[in-house]
Amino acid sequence: MRILASSLCDHASAAADGKLDMHGVFHDLYAPGFPARQDSMTLVLVLEWGRGDNGRYSFRVDVTGPGGRPTLTVEGRSEVSPRPADRPPPRTRVILPLEDVVFPSPGRYEFRITAKGRTLRGPVLYLTEATQPP
């Protein structure tokens, strides 16, 4: 298993032709003070599974803040179907809306994805205290 794509954005959707449409991709958020609350954001992941993977797999997304402090954990499941050798490996597109996320302090927040006993790095988000974005 590996991560083909990971992003944070305002909104995302999956098109019928297999494409992902992401709007408002960001890596930084600015807050007037802390703790800071983000009303909504969307985590987008594309997971590529191994050729031998088949069935239902659970995954977990852990967000840690400065100093490795846990901030948020979200769990999900993915149904993985085998694919013929002449096609790309199985993939899961995850569009995960997150609402009312609280960030306790400014700094770097890491998203880590765990599945099949492996933990992989997802997107990174920086929170900065500022009265207005630069």
N, C-alpha and C. Protein backbone atom coordinates (compact mmCIF):
# COMPACT_ATOMS: atom_id res chain seq x y z
N MET A 1 0.85 -1.17 0.00
CA MET A 1 0.00 0.00 0.00
C MET A 1 0.89 1.23 0.00
N ARG A 2 0.45 2.24 -0.74
CA ARG A 2 1.14 3.53 -0.73
C ARG A 2 0.13 4.64 -1.00
N ILE A 3 0.53 5.85 -0.67
CA ILE A 3 -0.33 7.01 -0.91
C ILE A 3 0.09 7.63 -2.24
N LEU A 4 -0.85 7.69 -3.18
CA LEU A 4 -0.58 8.33 -4.47
C LEU A 4 -0.80 9.83 -4.40
N ALA A 5 -1.76 10.27 -3.59
CA ALA A 5 -2.06 11.69 -3.47
C ALA A 5 -2.67 11.96 -2.11
N SER A 6 -2.35 13.14 -1.56
CA SER A 6 -2.98 13.57 -0.31
C SER A 6 -3.00 15.09 -0.29
N SER A 7 -4.15 15.64 0.06
CA SER A 7 -4.32 17.10 0.09
C SER A 7 -5.39 17.49 1.08
N LEU A 8 -5.32 18.74 1.50
CA LEU A 8 -6.38 19.38 2.26
C LEU A 8 -6.95 20.48 1.38
N CYS A 9 -8.27 20.57 1.35
CA CYS A 9 -8.90 21.57 0.49
C CYS A 9 -10.25 21.98 1.07
N ASP A 10 -10.86 22.97 0.42
CA ASP A 10 -12.18 23.42 0.85
C ASP A 10 -13.27 22.42 0.46
N HIS A 11 -13.16 21.85 -0.74
CA HIS A 11 -14.19 20.94 -1.25
C HIS A 11 -13.57 20.01 -2.28
N ALA A 12 -14.04 18.77 -2.34
CA ALA A 12 -13.59 17.82 -3.35
C ALA A 12 -14.75 16.93 -3.77
N SER A 13 -14.68 16.43 -5.00
CA SER A 13 -15.69 15.50 -5.49
C SER A 13 -15.03 14.54 -6.48
N ALA A 14 -15.64 13.39 -6.63
CA ALA A 14 -15.16 12.38 -7.58
C ALA A 14 -16.02 12.45 -8.83
N ALA A 15 -15.38 12.54 -9.98
CA ALA A 15 -16.09 12.57 -11.25
C ALA A 15 -16.31 11.14 -11.74
N ALA A 16 -17.30 10.97 -12.58
CA ALA A 16 -17.63 9.64 -13.10
C ALA A 16 -16.49 9.03 -13.91
N ASP A 17 -15.63 9.88 -14.49
CA ASP A 17 -14.52 9.37 -15.31
C ASP A 17 -13.29 9.00 -14.48
N GLY A 18 -13.42 9.03 -13.16
CA GLY A 18 -12.32 8.63 -12.29
C GLY A 18 -11.44 9.77 -11.80
N LYS A 19 -11.68 10.97 -12.25
CA LYS A 19 -10.88 12.11 -11.83
C LYS A 19 -11.39 12.65 -10.50
N LEU A 20 -10.48 13.27 -9.76
CA LEU A 20 -10.85 13.97 -8.53
C LEU A 20 -10.82 15.47 -8.79
N ASP A 21 -11.86 16.15 -8.41
CA ASP A 21 -11.90 17.60 -8.53
C ASP A 21 -11.73 18.18 -7.14
N MET A 22 -10.65 18.96 -6.95
CA MET A 22 -10.37 19.59 -5.66
C MET A 22 -10.39 21.09 -5.84
N HIS A 23 -11.03 21.78 -4.90
CA HIS A 23 -11.13 23.23 -4.96
C HIS A 23 -10.59 23.82 -3.67
N GLY A 24 -9.76 24.84 -3.80
CA GLY A 24 -9.24 25.53 -2.62
C GLY A 24 -8.22 24.72 -1.85
N VAL A 25 -7.24 24.13 -2.53
CA VAL A 25 -6.20 23.36 -1.85
C VAL A 25 -5.35 24.33 -1.01
N PHE A 26 -5.04 23.91 0.22
CA PHE A 26 -4.24 24.78 1.09
C PHE A 26 -3.27 23.96 1.93
N HIS A 27 -2.21 24.65 2.40
CA HIS A 27 -1.19 24.05 3.26
C HIS A 27 -1.00 24.84 4.54
N ASP A 28 -1.60 26.03 4.58
CA ASP A 28 -1.47 26.93 5.72
C ASP A 28 -2.84 27.46 6.10
N LEU A 29 -3.04 27.66 7.39
CA LEU A 29 -4.23 28.35 7.88
C LEU A 29 -3.79 29.42 8.86
N TYR A 30 -4.49 30.54 8.83
CA TYR A 30 -4.19 31.66 9.71
C TYR A 30 -5.35 31.85 10.67
N ALA A 31 -5.03 32.05 11.94
CA ALA A 31 -6.07 32.20 12.96
C ALA A 31 -5.77 33.43 13.81
N PRO A 32 -6.82 34.14 14.25
CA PRO A 32 -6.61 35.31 15.08
C PRO A 32 -6.17 34.96 16.50
N GLY A 33 -6.34 33.72 16.90
CA GLY A 33 -5.95 33.28 18.24
C GLY A 33 -6.10 31.77 18.36
N PHE A 34 -5.64 31.26 19.49
CA PHE A 34 -5.69 29.81 19.72
C PHE A 34 -6.29 29.52 21.08
N PRO A 35 -7.03 28.41 21.22
CA PRO A 35 -7.26 27.41 20.18
C PRO A 35 -8.05 27.98 19.01
N ALA A 36 -7.76 27.45 17.81
CA ALA A 36 -8.42 27.90 16.58
C ALA A 36 -9.36 26.82 16.09
N ARG A 37 -10.48 27.23 15.55
CA ARG A 37 -11.47 26.28 15.03
C ARG A 37 -11.64 26.49 13.53
N GLN A 38 -11.52 25.39 12.78
CA GLN A 38 -11.77 25.42 11.34
C GLN A 38 -13.14 24.81 11.12
N ASP A 39 -14.07 25.62 10.60
CA ASP A 39 -15.45 25.15 10.42
C ASP A 39 -15.53 23.91 9.55
N SER A 40 -14.84 23.93 8.42
CA SER A 40 -14.86 22.76 7.54
C SER A 40 -13.63 22.74 6.65
N MET A 41 -13.22 21.54 6.31
CA MET A 41 -12.16 21.30 5.35
C MET A 41 -12.30 19.86 4.90
N THR A 42 -11.65 19.52 3.81
CA THR A 42 -11.77 18.17 3.27
C THR A 42 -10.39 17.56 3.10
N LEU A 43 -10.24 16.35 3.61
CA LEU A 43 -9.02 15.57 3.41
C LEU A 43 -9.25 14.66 2.21
N VAL A 44 -8.32 14.70 1.25
CA VAL A 44 -8.40 13.86 0.07
C VAL A 44 -7.19 12.92 0.07
N LEU A 45 -7.46 11.63 -0.08
CA LEU A 45 -6.40 10.62 -0.16
C LEU A 45 -6.68 9.69 -1.34
N VAL A 46 -5.63 9.29 -2.00
CA VAL A 46 -5.72 8.22 -2.98
C VAL A 46 -4.73 7.16 -2.51
N LEU A 47 -5.27 6.00 -2.13
CA LEU A 47 -4.46 4.89 -1.65
C LEU A 47 -4.34 3.85 -2.76
N GLU A 48 -3.11 3.42 -3.03
CA GLU A 48 -2.91 2.35 -3.99
C GLU A 48 -2.56 1.09 -3.21
N TRP A 49 -3.31 0.03 -3.46
CA TRP A 49 -3.15 -1.23 -2.74
C TRP A 49 -2.27 -2.17 -3.54
N GLY A 50 -1.78 -3.21 -2.88
CA GLY A 50 -0.97 -4.23 -3.55
C GLY A 50 -1.83 -5.13 -4.41
N ARG A 51 -1.19 -5.80 -5.34
CA ARG A 51 -1.91 -6.70 -6.25
C ARG A 51 -2.63 -7.82 -5.49
N GLY A 52 -2.07 -8.23 -4.35
CA GLY A 52 -2.69 -9.31 -3.58
C GLY A 52 -3.75 -8.86 -2.60
N ASP A 53 -3.95 -7.55 -2.48
CA ASP A 53 -4.95 -7.04 -1.54
C ASP A 53 -6.35 -7.25 -2.10
N ASN A 54 -7.22 -7.79 -1.25
CA ASN A 54 -8.58 -8.06 -1.66
C ASN A 54 -9.45 -8.12 -0.42
N GLY A 55 -10.57 -7.42 -0.43
CA GLY A 55 -11.49 -7.45 0.70
C GLY A 55 -11.63 -6.10 1.36
N ARG A 56 -12.14 -6.12 2.58
CA ARG A 56 -12.38 -4.89 3.32
C ARG A 56 -11.20 -4.60 4.24
N TYR A 57 -10.70 -3.38 4.15
CA TYR A 57 -9.58 -2.94 4.99
C TYR A 57 -9.99 -1.71 5.77
N SER A 58 -9.64 -1.70 7.05
CA SER A 58 -9.86 -0.53 7.88
C SER A 58 -8.65 0.38 7.77
N PHE A 59 -8.89 1.67 7.88
CA PHE A 59 -7.78 2.62 7.93
C PHE A 59 -8.09 3.67 8.98
N ARG A 60 -7.06 4.35 9.44
CA ARG A 60 -7.20 5.38 10.46
C ARG A 60 -6.36 6.58 10.05
N VAL A 61 -6.90 7.77 10.26
CA VAL A 61 -6.17 9.01 10.03
C VAL A 61 -5.95 9.66 11.39
N ASP A 62 -4.69 9.86 11.75
CA ASP A 62 -4.34 10.53 13.00
C ASP A 62 -3.70 11.86 12.67
N VAL A 63 -4.16 12.91 13.34
CA VAL A 63 -3.57 14.23 13.19
C VAL A 63 -2.84 14.55 14.49
N THR A 64 -1.56 14.89 14.36
CA THR A 64 -0.79 15.28 15.54
C THR A 64 -0.30 16.70 15.34
N GLY A 65 -0.27 17.43 16.44
CA GLY A 65 0.15 18.82 16.42
C GLY A 65 1.58 18.98 16.89
N PRO A 66 1.97 20.21 17.18
CA PRO A 66 3.32 20.49 17.65
C PRO A 66 3.66 19.61 18.86
N GLY A 67 4.87 19.08 18.85
CA GLY A 67 5.29 18.22 19.95
C GLY A 67 4.68 16.84 19.90
N GLY A 68 4.00 16.48 18.78
CA GLY A 68 3.41 15.15 18.65
C GLY A 68 2.11 14.97 19.41
N ARG A 69 1.51 16.07 19.84
CA ARG A 69 0.24 15.97 20.59
C ARG A 69 -0.90 15.53 19.67
N PRO A 70 -1.67 14.49 20.08
CA PRO A 70 -2.82 14.07 19.27
C PRO A 70 -3.88 15.16 19.21
N THR A 71 -4.42 15.39 18.02
CA THR A 71 -5.43 16.42 17.83
C THR A 71 -6.75 15.83 17.34
N LEU A 72 -6.67 14.84 16.45
CA LEU A 72 -7.87 14.30 15.82
C LEU A 72 -7.57 12.90 15.31
N THR A 73 -8.55 12.00 15.42
CA THR A 73 -8.46 10.67 14.83
C THR A 73 -9.78 10.37 14.13
N VAL A 74 -9.67 9.87 12.90
CA VAL A 74 -10.84 9.50 12.11
C VAL A 74 -10.59 8.09 11.57
N GLU A 75 -11.61 7.25 11.62
CA GLU A 75 -11.48 5.88 11.11
C GLU A 75 -12.42 5.66 9.95
N GLY A 76 -12.01 4.76 9.04
CA GLY A 76 -12.83 4.44 7.89
C GLY A 76 -12.53 3.04 7.39
N ARG A 77 -13.24 2.65 6.34
CA ARG A 77 -13.05 1.33 5.72
C ARG A 77 -13.01 1.50 4.21
N SER A 78 -12.32 0.56 3.58
CA SER A 78 -12.25 0.57 2.13
C SER A 78 -12.46 -0.84 1.61
N GLU A 79 -13.25 -0.96 0.57
CA GLU A 79 -13.46 -2.24 -0.09
C GLU A 79 -12.49 -2.30 -1.27
N VAL A 80 -11.60 -3.29 -1.26
CA VAL A 80 -10.57 -3.42 -2.29
C VAL A 80 -10.87 -4.65 -3.14
N SER A 81 -10.95 -4.45 -4.44
CA SER A 81 -11.21 -5.55 -5.37
C SER A 81 -9.97 -5.80 -6.22
N PRO A 82 -9.66 -7.06 -6.47
CA PRO A 82 -8.47 -7.35 -7.29
C PRO A 82 -8.66 -6.84 -8.72
N ARG A 83 -7.53 -6.57 -9.36
CA ARG A 83 -7.57 -6.11 -10.75
C ARG A 83 -6.69 -7.01 -11.61
N PRO A 84 -7.02 -7.15 -12.89
CA PRO A 84 -6.18 -7.97 -13.78
C PRO A 84 -4.78 -7.36 -13.90
N ALA A 85 -3.80 -8.17 -14.27
CA ALA A 85 -2.41 -7.74 -14.37
C ALA A 85 -2.21 -6.64 -15.41
N ASP A 86 -3.10 -6.55 -16.41
CA ASP A 86 -2.94 -5.52 -17.44
C ASP A 86 -3.59 -4.18 -17.06
N ARG A 87 -4.10 -4.07 -15.84
CA ARG A 87 -4.70 -2.83 -15.34
C ARG A 87 -3.90 -2.30 -14.17
N PRO A 88 -4.04 -1.03 -13.82
CA PRO A 88 -3.34 -0.51 -12.64
C PRO A 88 -3.79 -1.24 -11.37
N PRO A 89 -2.96 -1.21 -10.32
CA PRO A 89 -3.34 -1.85 -9.05
C PRO A 89 -4.62 -1.22 -8.50
N PRO A 90 -5.29 -1.92 -7.57
CA PRO A 90 -6.51 -1.35 -6.97
C PRO A 90 -6.21 -0.05 -6.23
N ARG A 91 -7.16 0.87 -6.29
CA ARG A 91 -7.00 2.18 -5.65
C ARG A 91 -8.28 2.55 -4.91
N THR A 92 -8.09 3.29 -3.84
CA THR A 92 -9.22 3.83 -3.09
C THR A 92 -9.10 5.34 -3.09
N ARG A 93 -10.17 6.01 -3.48
CA ARG A 93 -10.23 7.47 -3.39
C ARG A 93 -11.04 7.81 -2.14
N VAL A 94 -10.41 8.53 -1.23
CA VAL A 94 -11.07 8.91 0.01
C VAL A 94 -11.29 10.42 -0.01
N ILE A 95 -12.54 10.83 0.12
CA ILE A 95 -12.90 12.25 0.25
C ILE A 95 -13.58 12.35 1.60
N LEU A 96 -12.86 12.94 2.55
CA LEU A 96 -13.29 12.93 3.94
C LEU A 96 -13.54 14.35 4.44
N PRO A 97 -14.81 14.80 4.47
CA PRO A 97 -15.11 16.12 5.03
C PRO A 97 -14.85 16.12 6.55
N LEU A 98 -14.18 17.14 7.01
CA LEU A 98 -13.90 17.31 8.44
C LEU A 98 -14.55 18.61 8.89
N GLU A 99 -15.31 18.56 9.96
CA GLU A 99 -16.01 19.75 10.43
C GLU A 99 -15.64 20.06 11.87
N ASP A 100 -15.61 21.35 12.18
CA ASP A 100 -15.35 21.84 13.53
C ASP A 100 -14.07 21.25 14.12
N VAL A 101 -12.98 21.33 13.36
CA VAL A 101 -11.69 20.83 13.82
C VAL A 101 -11.02 21.92 14.66
N VAL A 102 -10.58 21.54 15.85
CA VAL A 102 -9.93 22.50 16.75
C VAL A 102 -8.44 22.25 16.75
N PHE A 103 -7.68 23.31 16.52
CA PHE A 103 -6.22 23.28 16.58
C PHE A 103 -5.80 24.03 17.83
N PRO A 104 -5.23 23.33 18.82
CA PRO A 104 -4.96 23.95 20.12
C PRO A 104 -3.90 25.04 20.11
N SER A 105 -2.92 24.94 19.20
CA SER A 105 -1.81 25.91 19.22
C SER A 105 -1.27 26.10 17.81
N PRO A 106 -0.51 27.17 17.60
CA PRO A 106 0.10 27.35 16.28
C PRO A 106 1.19 26.30 16.07
N GLY A 107 1.52 26.05 14.80
CA GLY A 107 2.59 25.12 14.49
C GLY A 107 2.22 24.15 13.38
N ARG A 108 3.00 23.09 13.31
CA ARG A 108 2.88 22.08 12.25
C ARG A 108 1.97 20.94 12.71
N TYR A 109 1.00 20.60 11.86
CA TYR A 109 0.08 19.49 12.11
C TYR A 109 0.28 18.45 11.01
N GLU A 110 0.54 17.20 11.41
CA GLU A 110 0.80 16.13 10.46
C GLU A 110 -0.38 15.16 10.42
N PHE A 111 -0.74 14.76 9.21
CA PHE A 111 -1.78 13.77 8.99
C PHE A 111 -1.08 12.46 8.65
N ARG A 112 -1.36 11.41 9.42
CA ARG A 112 -0.76 10.10 9.18
C ARG A 112 -1.87 9.07 8.97
N ILE A 113 -1.66 8.21 7.98
CA ILE A 113 -2.67 7.23 7.61
C ILE A 113 -2.14 5.84 7.95
N THR A 114 -2.93 5.07 8.70
CA THR A 114 -2.53 3.73 9.09
C THR A 114 -3.51 2.71 8.51
N ALA A 115 -2.96 1.71 7.81
CA ALA A 115 -3.75 0.60 7.27
C ALA A 115 -2.83 -0.59 7.11
N LYS A 116 -3.36 -1.77 7.29
CA LYS A 116 -2.59 -3.00 7.14
C LYS A 116 -1.31 -3.00 7.98
N GLY A 117 -1.38 -2.36 9.16
CA GLY A 117 -0.23 -2.33 10.06
C GLY A 117 0.87 -1.37 9.66
N ARG A 118 0.65 -0.57 8.63
CA ARG A 118 1.66 0.40 8.18
C ARG A 118 1.13 1.81 8.39
N THR A 119 2.02 2.71 8.75
CA THR A 119 1.66 4.11 8.90
C THR A 119 2.42 4.92 7.85
N LEU A 120 1.66 5.70 7.09
CA LEU A 120 2.22 6.51 6.01
C LEU A 120 1.94 7.98 6.26
N ARG A 121 2.82 8.82 5.76
CA ARG A 121 2.65 10.27 5.93
C ARG A 121 1.68 10.82 4.90
N GLY A 122 0.75 11.63 5.41
CA GLY A 122 -0.19 12.33 4.55
C GLY A 122 0.20 13.80 4.49
N PRO A 123 -0.76 14.68 4.29
CA PRO A 123 -0.44 16.10 4.17
C PRO A 123 0.00 16.71 5.49
N VAL A 124 0.63 17.87 5.38
CA VAL A 124 1.06 18.66 6.53
C VAL A 124 0.35 20.00 6.44
N LEU A 125 -0.10 20.50 7.58
CA LEU A 125 -0.79 21.78 7.65
C LEU A 125 -0.10 22.65 8.69
N TYR A 126 0.17 23.89 8.33
CA TYR A 126 0.77 24.84 9.27
C TYR A 126 -0.28 25.83 9.74
N LEU A 127 -0.40 25.99 11.05
CA LEU A 127 -1.30 26.97 11.65
C LEU A 127 -0.46 28.13 12.17
N THR A 128 -0.85 29.33 11.79
CA THR A 128 -0.11 30.53 12.17
C THR A 128 -1.06 31.53 12.81
N GLU A 129 -0.59 32.17 13.87
CA GLU A 129 -1.40 33.21 14.49
C GLU A 129 -1.16 34.51 13.75
N ALA A 130 -2.23 35.08 13.22
CA ALA A 130 -2.14 36.31 12.45
C ALA A 130 -3.52 36.93 12.38
N THR A 131 -3.57 38.24 12.33
CA THR A 131 -4.86 38.91 12.21
C THR A 131 -5.40 38.83 10.81
N GLN A 132 -4.50 38.68 9.80
CA GLN A 132 -4.92 38.49 8.42
C GLN A 132 -3.81 37.77 7.66
N PRO A 133 -4.18 36.96 6.65
CA PRO A 133 -3.16 36.23 5.88
C PRO A 133 -2.23 37.21 5.17
N PRO A 134 -0.97 36.78 4.95
CA PRO A 134 -0.03 37.66 4.22
C PRO A 134 -0.44 37.84 2.77
